[in-house]
PDB file of N, CA and C in Angstrom:
ATOM      1  N   MET A   1      19.134   4.616   3.792  1.00  0.00           N
ATOM      2  CA  MET A   1      18.611   5.404   4.902  1.00  0.00           C
ATOM      3  C   MET A   1      17.256   5.977   4.457  1.00  0.00           C
ATOM      4  N   THR A   2      16.260   5.824   5.293  1.00  0.00           N
ATOM      5  CA  THR A   2      14.933   6.342   5.022  1.00  0.00           C
ATOM      6  C   THR A   2      14.616   7.427   6.042  1.00  0.00           C
ATOM      7  N   VAL A   3      14.156   8.561   5.546  1.00  0.00           N
ATOM      8  CA  VAL A   3      13.800   9.684   6.417  1.00  0.00           C
ATOM      9  C   VAL A   3      12.302   9.895   6.310  1.00  0.00           C
ATOM     10  N   GLN A   4      11.651  10.056   7.441  1.00  0.00           N
ATOM     11  CA  GLN A   4      10.217  10.324   7.434  1.00  0.00           C
ATOM     12  C   GLN A   4       9.883  11.289   8.566  1.00  0.00           C
ATOM     13  N   THR A   5       8.740  11.929   8.442  1.00  0.00           N
ATOM     14  CA  THR A   5       8.310  12.858   9.459  1.00  0.00           C
ATOM     15  C   THR A   5       7.350  12.145  10.398  1.00  0.00           C
ATOM     16  N   GLU A   6       7.626  12.237  11.675  1.00  0.00           N
ATOM     17  CA  GLU A   6       6.751  11.674  12.708  1.00  0.00           C
ATOM     18  C   GLU A   6       6.365  12.823  13.617  1.00  0.00           C
ATOM     19  N   GLY A   7       5.134  13.291  13.460  1.00  0.00           N
ATOM     20  CA  GLY A   7       4.729  14.459  14.222  1.00  0.00           C
ATOM     21  C   GLY A   7       5.459  15.674  13.680  1.00  0.00           C
ATOM     22  N   LYS A   8       6.219  16.328  14.545  1.00  0.00           N
ATOM     23  CA  LYS A   8       6.946  17.526  14.124  1.00  0.00           C
ATOM     24  C   LYS A   8       8.427  17.279  13.929  1.00  0.00           C
ATOM     25  N   ARG A   9       8.845  16.023  14.050  1.00  0.00           N
ATOM     26  CA  ARG A   9      10.275  15.745  13.930  1.00  0.00           C
ATOM     27  C   ARG A   9      10.559  14.802  12.776  1.00  0.00           C
ATOM     28  N   LYS A  10      11.768  14.938  12.247  1.00  0.00           N
ATOM     29  CA  LYS A  10      12.204  14.056  11.159  1.00  0.00           C
ATOM     30  C   LYS A  10      13.016  12.930  11.761  1.00  0.00           C
ATOM     31  N   VAL A  11      12.695  11.719  11.347  1.00  0.00           N
ATOM     32  CA  VAL A  11      13.354  10.537  11.887  1.00  0.00           C
ATOM     33  C   VAL A  11      13.991   9.785  10.729  1.00  0.00           C
ATOM     34  N   SER A  12      15.227   9.357  10.927  1.00  0.00           N
ATOM     35  CA  SER A  12      15.892   8.561   9.897  1.00  0.00           C
ATOM     36  C   SER A  12      16.183   7.181  10.467  1.00  0.00           C
ATOM     37  N   ARG A  13      15.985   6.186   9.618  1.00  0.00           N
ATOM     38  CA  ARG A  13      16.194   4.802  10.021  1.00  0.00           C
ATOM     39  C   ARG A  13      16.871   4.037   8.900  1.00  0.00           C
ATOM     40  N   GLU A  14      17.659   3.068   9.290  1.00  0.00           N
ATOM     41  CA  GLU A  14      18.207   2.131   8.325  1.00  0.00           C
ATOM     42  C   GLU A  14      17.160   1.042   8.138  1.00  0.00           C
ATOM     43  N   ILE A  15      16.673   0.890   6.933  1.00  0.00           N
ATOM     44  CA  ILE A  15      15.663  -0.117   6.646  1.00  0.00           C
ATOM     45  C   ILE A  15      16.243  -1.107   5.642  1.00  0.00           C
ATOM     46  N   GLU A  16      16.082  -2.375   5.961  1.00  0.00           N
ATOM     47  CA  GLU A  16      16.569  -3.420   5.084  1.00  0.00           C
ATOM     48  C   GLU A  16      15.505  -3.726   4.044  1.00  0.00           C
ATOM     49  N   TYR A  17      15.874  -3.680   2.780  1.00  0.00           N
ATOM     50  CA  TYR A  17      14.940  -3.989   1.703  1.00  0.00           C
ATOM     51  C   TYR A  17      15.305  -5.355   1.135  1.00  0.00           C
ATOM     52  N   PHE A  18      14.296  -6.133   0.767  1.00  0.00           N
ATOM     53  CA  PHE A  18      14.545  -7.456   0.244  1.00  0.00           C
ATOM     54  C   PHE A  18      14.062  -7.530  -1.194  1.00  0.00           C
ATOM     55  N   ASN A  19      14.701  -8.362  -1.959  1.00  0.00           N
ATOM     56  CA  ASN A  19      14.367  -8.585  -3.347  1.00  0.00           C
ATOM     57  C   ASN A  19      13.019  -9.298  -3.421  1.00  0.00           C
ATOM     58  N   LEU A  20      12.111  -8.838  -4.276  1.00  0.00           N
ATOM     59  CA  LEU A  20      10.792  -9.433  -4.406  1.00  0.00           C
ATOM     60  C   LEU A  20      10.874 -10.906  -4.785  1.00  0.00           C
ATOM     61  N   ASP A  21      11.808 -11.264  -5.648  1.00  0.00           N
ATOM     62  CA  ASP A  21      11.966 -12.660  -6.042  1.00  0.00           C
ATOM     63  C   ASP A  21      12.277 -13.543  -4.826  1.00  0.00           C
ATOM     64  N   VAL A  22      13.103 -13.036  -3.913  1.00  0.00           N
ATOM     65  CA  VAL A  22      13.459 -13.785  -2.716  1.00  0.00           C
ATOM     66  C   VAL A  22      12.244 -13.962  -1.814  1.00  0.00           C
ATOM     67  N   ILE A  23      11.486 -12.878  -1.618  1.00  0.00           N
ATOM     68  CA  ILE A  23      10.300 -12.940  -0.773  1.00  0.00           C
ATOM     69  C   ILE A  23       9.317 -13.977  -1.291  1.00  0.00           C
ATOM     70  N   ILE A  24       9.072 -13.943  -2.584  1.00  0.00           N
ATOM     71  CA  ILE A  24       8.121 -14.873  -3.190  1.00  0.00           C
ATOM     72  C   ILE A  24       8.637 -16.307  -3.104  1.00  0.00           C
ATOM     73  N   SER A  25       9.904 -16.518  -3.406  1.00  0.00           N
ATOM     74  CA  SER A  25      10.414 -17.896  -3.385  1.00  0.00           C
ATOM     75  C   SER A  25      10.416 -18.465  -1.968  1.00  0.00           C
ATOM     76  N   VAL A  26      10.764 -17.671  -0.978  1.00  0.00           N
ATOM     77  CA  VAL A  26      10.712 -18.146   0.415  1.00  0.00           C
ATOM     78  C   VAL A  26       9.269 -18.380   0.827  1.00  0.00           C
ATOM     79  N   GLY A  27       8.373 -17.460   0.464  1.00  0.00           N
ATOM     80  CA  GLY A  27       6.967 -17.594   0.822  1.00  0.00           C
ATOM     81  C   GLY A  27       6.331 -18.849   0.250  1.00  0.00           C
ATOM     82  N   TYR A  28       6.798 -19.289  -0.927  1.00  0.00           N
ATOM     83  CA  TYR A  28       6.253 -20.494  -1.528  1.00  0.00           C
ATOM     84  C   TYR A  28       6.914 -21.765  -1.015  1.00  0.00           C
ATOM     85  N   ARG A  29       7.966 -21.632  -0.201  1.00  0.00           N
ATOM     86  CA  ARG A  29       8.641 -22.816   0.344  1.00  0.00           C
ATOM     87  C   ARG A  29       8.319 -23.067   1.819  1.00  0.00           C
ATOM     88  N   VAL A  30       7.870 -22.053   2.502  1.00  0.00           N
ATOM     89  CA  VAL A  30       7.598 -22.174   3.946  1.00  0.00           C
ATOM     90  C   VAL A  30       6.385 -23.076   4.163  1.00  0.00           C
ATOM     91  N   LYS A  31       6.534 -24.038   5.071  1.00  0.00           N
ATOM     92  CA  LYS A  31       5.429 -24.959   5.355  1.00  0.00           C
ATOM     93  C   LYS A  31       4.853 -24.605   6.712  1.00  0.00           C
ATOM     94  N   SER A  32       3.942 -23.632   6.678  1.00  0.00           N
ATOM     95  CA  SER A  32       3.273 -23.204   7.912  1.00  0.00           C
ATOM     96  C   SER A  32       1.938 -22.591   7.525  1.00  0.00           C
ATOM     97  N   GLN A  33       1.125 -22.284   8.537  1.00  0.00           N
ATOM     98  CA  GLN A  33      -0.161 -21.651   8.262  1.00  0.00           C
ATOM     99  C   GLN A  33       0.068 -20.271   7.640  1.00  0.00           C
ATOM    100  N   ARG A  34       1.041 -19.544   8.144  1.00  0.00           N
ATOM    101  CA  ARG A  34       1.334 -18.209   7.607  1.00  0.00           C
ATOM    102  C   ARG A  34       1.835 -18.294   6.163  1.00  0.00           C
ATOM    103  N   GLY A  35       2.642 -19.333   5.885  1.00  0.00           N
ATOM    104  CA  GLY A  35       3.122 -19.553   4.523  1.00  0.00           C
ATOM    105  C   GLY A  35       1.957 -19.832   3.576  1.00  0.00           C
ATOM    106  N   THR A  36       0.994 -20.619   4.043  1.00  0.00           N
ATOM    107  CA  THR A  36      -0.204 -20.906   3.240  1.00  0.00           C
ATOM    108  C   THR A  36      -0.995 -19.630   2.982  1.00  0.00           C
ATOM    109  N   GLN A  37      -1.147 -18.780   4.003  1.00  0.00           N
ATOM    110  CA  GLN A  37      -1.844 -17.504   3.826  1.00  0.00           C
ATOM    111  C   GLN A  37      -1.136 -16.634   2.790  1.00  0.00           C
ATOM    112  N   PHE A  38       0.201 -16.600   2.863  1.00  0.00           N
ATOM    113  CA  PHE A  38       0.955 -15.811   1.888  1.00  0.00           C
ATOM    114  C   PHE A  38       0.727 -16.333   0.478  1.00  0.00           C
ATOM    115  N   ARG A  39       0.805 -17.653   0.309  1.00  0.00           N
ATOM    116  CA  ARG A  39       0.611 -18.239  -1.029  1.00  0.00           C
ATOM    117  C   ARG A  39      -0.765 -17.913  -1.583  1.00  0.00           C
ATOM    118  N   GLN A  40      -1.786 -17.997  -0.727  1.00  0.00           N
ATOM    119  CA  GLN A  40      -3.146 -17.669  -1.184  1.00  0.00           C
ATOM    120  C   GLN A  40      -3.233 -16.202  -1.585  1.00  0.00           C
ATOM    121  N   TRP A  41      -2.647 -15.315  -0.761  1.00  0.00           N
ATOM    122  CA  TRP A  41      -2.678 -13.883  -1.059  1.00  0.00           C
ATOM    123  C   TRP A  41      -1.919 -13.599  -2.353  1.00  0.00           C
ATOM    124  N   ALA A  42      -0.709 -14.132  -2.470  1.00  0.00           N
ATOM    125  CA  ALA A  42       0.134 -13.866  -3.644  1.00  0.00           C
ATOM    126  C   ALA A  42      -0.514 -14.415  -4.914  1.00  0.00           C
ATOM    127  N   THR A  43      -1.073 -15.603  -4.818  1.00  0.00           N
ATOM    128  CA  THR A  43      -1.721 -16.205  -5.977  1.00  0.00           C
ATOM    129  C   THR A  43      -2.909 -15.361  -6.430  1.00  0.00           C
ATOM    130  N   GLN A  44      -3.694 -14.868  -5.489  1.00  0.00           N
ATOM    131  CA  GLN A  44      -4.843 -14.013  -5.831  1.00  0.00           C
ATOM    132  C   GLN A  44      -4.391 -12.738  -6.520  1.00  0.00           C
ATOM    133  N   ARG A  45      -3.334 -12.084  -5.983  1.00  0.00           N
ATOM    134  CA  ARG A  45      -2.834 -10.859  -6.601  1.00  0.00           C
ATOM    135  C   ARG A  45      -2.317 -11.130  -8.009  1.00  0.00           C
ATOM    136  N   LEU A  46      -1.564 -12.222  -8.176  1.00  0.00           N
ATOM    137  CA  LEU A  46      -1.039 -12.558  -9.499  1.00  0.00           C
ATOM    138  C   LEU A  46      -2.166 -12.846 -10.484  1.00  0.00           C
ATOM    139  N   LYS A  47      -3.184 -13.549 -10.014  1.00  0.00           N
ATOM    140  CA  LYS A  47      -4.346 -13.874 -10.847  1.00  0.00           C
ATOM    141  C   LYS A  47      -5.051 -12.590 -11.284  1.00  0.00           C
ATOM    142  N   GLU A  48      -5.274 -11.674 -10.348  1.00  0.00           N
ATOM    143  CA  GLU A  48      -5.924 -10.399 -10.675  1.00  0.00           C
ATOM    144  C   GLU A  48      -5.098  -9.646 -11.712  1.00  0.00           C
ATOM    145  N   TYR A  49      -3.791  -9.628 -11.513  1.00  0.00           N
ATOM    146  CA  TYR A  49      -2.936  -8.885 -12.441  1.00  0.00           C
ATOM    147  C   TYR A  49      -2.956  -9.497 -13.832  1.00  0.00           C
ATOM    148  N   LEU A  50      -2.921 -10.827 -13.895  1.00  0.00           N
ATOM    149  CA  LEU A  50      -2.930 -11.492 -15.188  1.00  0.00           C
ATOM    150  C   LEU A  50      -4.245 -11.304 -15.930  1.00  0.00           C
ATOM    151  N   VAL A  51      -5.351 -11.320 -15.191  1.00  0.00           N
ATOM    152  CA  VAL A  51      -6.664 -11.179 -15.820  1.00  0.00           C
ATOM    153  C   VAL A  51      -6.957  -9.730 -16.192  1.00  0.00           C
ATOM    154  N   GLN A  52      -6.699  -8.798 -15.225  1.00  0.00           N
ATOM    155  CA  GLN A  52      -7.059  -7.406 -15.437  1.00  0.00           C
ATOM    156  C   GLN A  52      -5.926  -6.567 -16.028  1.00  0.00           C
ATOM    157  N   GLY A  53      -4.709  -6.982 -15.826  1.00  0.00           N
ATOM    158  CA  GLY A  53      -3.564  -6.220 -16.291  1.00  0.00           C
ATOM    159  C   GLY A  53      -3.079  -5.224 -15.255  1.00  0.00           C
ATOM    160  N   TYR A  54      -3.742  -5.150 -14.101  1.00  0.00           N
ATOM    161  CA  TYR A  54      -3.350  -4.254 -13.020  1.00  0.00           C
ATOM    162  C   TYR A  54      -3.962  -4.742 -11.713  1.00  0.00           C
ATOM    163  N   VAL A  55      -3.438  -4.236 -10.604  1.00  0.00           N
ATOM    164  CA  VAL A  55      -3.978  -4.551  -9.290  1.00  0.00           C
ATOM    165  C   VAL A  55      -4.209  -3.226  -8.562  1.00  0.00           C
ATOM    166  N   ILE A  56      -5.331  -3.106  -7.867  1.00  0.00           N
ATOM    167  CA  ILE A  56      -5.661  -1.865  -7.156  1.00  0.00           C
ATOM    168  C   ILE A  56      -5.476  -2.059  -5.670  1.00  0.00           C
ATOM    169  N   ASN A  57      -4.777  -1.134  -5.044  1.00  0.00           N
ATOM    170  CA  ASN A  57      -4.644  -1.127  -3.591  1.00  0.00           C
ATOM    171  C   ASN A  57      -5.880  -0.415  -3.057  1.00  0.00           C
ATOM    172  N   GLU A  58      -6.884  -1.191  -2.669  1.00  0.00           N
ATOM    173  CA  GLU A  58      -8.183  -0.629  -2.286  1.00  0.00           C
ATOM    174  C   GLU A  58      -8.102   0.262  -1.046  1.00  0.00           C
ATOM    175  N   LYS A  59      -7.268  -0.112  -0.091  1.00  0.00           N
ATOM    176  CA  LYS A  59      -7.131   0.690   1.127  1.00  0.00           C
ATOM    177  C   LYS A  59      -6.557   2.056   0.784  1.00  0.00           C
ATOM    178  N   ARG A  60      -5.510   2.091  -0.036  1.00  0.00           N
ATOM    179  CA  ARG A  60      -4.880   3.353  -0.419  1.00  0.00           C
ATOM    180  C   ARG A  60      -5.847   4.203  -1.254  1.00  0.00           C
ATOM    181  N   LEU A  61      -6.580   3.553  -2.133  1.00  0.00           N
ATOM    182  CA  LEU A  61      -7.552   4.265  -2.969  1.00  0.00           C
ATOM    183  C   LEU A  61      -8.618   4.917  -2.089  1.00  0.00           C
ATOM    184  N   ALA A  62      -9.114   4.204  -1.092  1.00  0.00           N
ATOM    185  CA  ALA A  62     -10.139   4.752  -0.186  1.00  0.00           C
ATOM    186  C   ALA A  62      -9.586   5.953   0.584  1.00  0.00           C
ATOM    187  N   GLU A  63      -8.322   5.856   1.033  1.00  0.00           N
ATOM    188  CA  GLU A  63      -7.706   6.979   1.757  1.00  0.00           C
ATOM    189  C   GLU A  63      -7.590   8.202   0.856  1.00  0.00           C
ATOM    190  N   LYS A  64      -7.189   7.986  -0.391  1.00  0.00           N
ATOM    191  CA  LYS A  64      -7.050   9.104  -1.330  1.00  0.00           C
ATOM    192  C   LYS A  64      -8.404   9.722  -1.642  1.00  0.00           C
ATOM    193  N   GLN A  65      -9.438   8.898  -1.751  1.00  0.00           N
ATOM    194  CA  GLN A  65     -10.779   9.429  -2.018  1.00  0.00           C
ATOM    195  C   GLN A  65     -11.267  10.276  -0.849  1.00  0.00           C
ATOM    196  N   MET A  66     -10.980   9.854   0.387  1.00  0.00           N
ATOM    197  CA  MET A  66     -11.370  10.640   1.552  1.00  0.00           C
ATOM    198  C   MET A  66     -10.624  11.977   1.545  1.00  0.00           C
ATOM    199  N   HIS A  67      -9.342  11.935   1.211  1.00  0.00           N
ATOM    200  CA  HIS A  67      -8.543  13.169   1.146  1.00  0.00           C
ATOM    201  C   HIS A  67      -9.100  14.102   0.069  1.00  0.00           C
ATOM    202  N   LEU A  68      -9.432  13.546  -1.076  1.00  0.00           N
ATOM    203  CA  LEU A  68      -9.991  14.343  -2.167  1.00  0.00           C
ATOM    204  C   LEU A  68     -11.327  14.977  -1.753  1.00  0.00           C
ATOM    205  N   GLN A  69     -12.160  14.217  -1.055  1.00  0.00           N
ATOM    206  CA  GLN A  69     -13.437  14.751  -0.584  1.00  0.00           C
ATOM    207  C   GLN A  69     -13.230  15.916   0.376  1.00  0.00           C
ATOM    208  N   THR A  70     -12.228  15.784   1.263  1.00  0.00           N
ATOM    209  CA  THR A  70     -11.901  16.863   2.199  1.00  0.00           C
ATOM    210  C   THR A  70     -11.479  18.118   1.434  1.00  0.00           C
ATOM    211  N   LEU A  71     -10.651  17.947   0.417  1.00  0.00           N
ATOM    212  CA  LEU A  71     -10.209  19.092  -0.399  1.00  0.00           C
ATOM    213  C   LEU A  71     -11.384  19.743  -1.128  1.00  0.00           C
ATOM    214  N   LYS A  72     -12.272  18.914  -1.673  1.00  0.00           N
ATOM    215  CA  LYS A  72     -13.453  19.457  -2.357  1.00  0.00           C
ATOM    216  C   LYS A  72     -14.314  20.283  -1.405  1.00  0.00           C
ATOM    217  N   THR A  73     -14.506  19.774  -0.195  1.00  0.00           N
ATOM    218  CA  THR A  73     -15.297  20.488   0.796  1.00  0.00           C
ATOM    219  C   THR A  73     -14.641  21.828   1.129  1.00  0.00           C
ATOM    220  N   GLY A  74     -13.324  21.822   1.287  1.00  0.00           N
ATOM    221  CA  GLY A  74     -12.611  23.062   1.576  1.00  0.00           C
ATOM    222  C   GLY A  74     -12.741  24.058   0.455  1.00  0.00           C
ATOM    223  N   ILE A  75     -12.641  23.600  -0.774  1.00  0.00           N
ATOM    224  CA  ILE A  75     -12.780  24.504  -1.933  1.00  0.00           C
ATOM    225  C   ILE A  75     -14.186  25.063  -1.998  1.00  0.00           C
ATOM    226  N   ARG A  76     -15.186  24.240  -1.714  1.00  0.00           N
ATOM    227  CA  ARG A  76     -16.579  24.681  -1.737  1.00  0.00           C
ATOM    228  C   ARG A  76     -16.793  25.789  -0.689  1.00  0.00           C
ATOM    229  N   ILE A  77     -16.216  25.608   0.503  1.00  0.00           N
ATOM    230  CA  ILE A  77     -16.365  26.600   1.570  1.00  0.00           C
ATOM    231  C   ILE A  77     -15.703  27.906   1.195  1.00  0.00           C
ATOM    232  N   VAL A  78     -14.496  27.815   0.630  1.00  0.00           N
ATOM    233  CA  VAL A  78     -13.775  29.032   0.210  1.00  0.00           C
ATOM    234  C   VAL A  78     -14.507  29.733  -0.915  1.00  0.00           C
ATOM    235  N   SER A  79     -15.067  28.971  -1.850  1.00  0.00           N
ATOM    236  CA  SER A  79     -15.803  29.552  -2.969  1.00  0.00           C
ATOM    237  C   SER A  79     -17.017  30.334  -2.521  1.00  0.00           C
ATOM    238  N   ARG A  80     -17.694  29.828  -1.501  1.00  0.00           N
ATOM    239  CA  ARG A  80     -18.888  30.518  -0.994  1.00  0.00           C
ATOM    240  C   ARG A  80     -18.511  31.821  -0.275  1.00  0.00           C
ATOM    241  N   ALA A  81     -17.321  31.843   0.327  1.00  0.00           N
ATOM    242  CA  ALA A  81     -16.902  33.018   1.079  1.00  0.00           C
ATOM    243  C   ALA A  81     -16.511  34.179   0.153  1.00  0.00           C
ATOM    244  N   ILE A  82     -16.206  33.865  -1.085  1.00  0.00           N
ATOM    245  CA  ILE A  82     -15.736  34.905  -2.020  1.00  0.00           C
ATOM    246  C   ILE A  82     -16.877  35.659  -2.619  1.00  0.00           C
TER     247      ILE A  82
END
């Protein structure tokens, strides 16, 4: 059961989780355009991880940087008021 906040209310849902090994093995067996896209995406991520030793979620990083900038601005404003 997963609980999350949506607006002002808490919502719980039953979410089915799948084993990563199963997702990858099915993705590499599907013969379709979407299957090809998955294989290209997965291969790129694996390649990045093997070469760099880590993979960065760029979208999440950008969101966190925006949040950090907002906090810095707020601290700057409060500091000036003191």
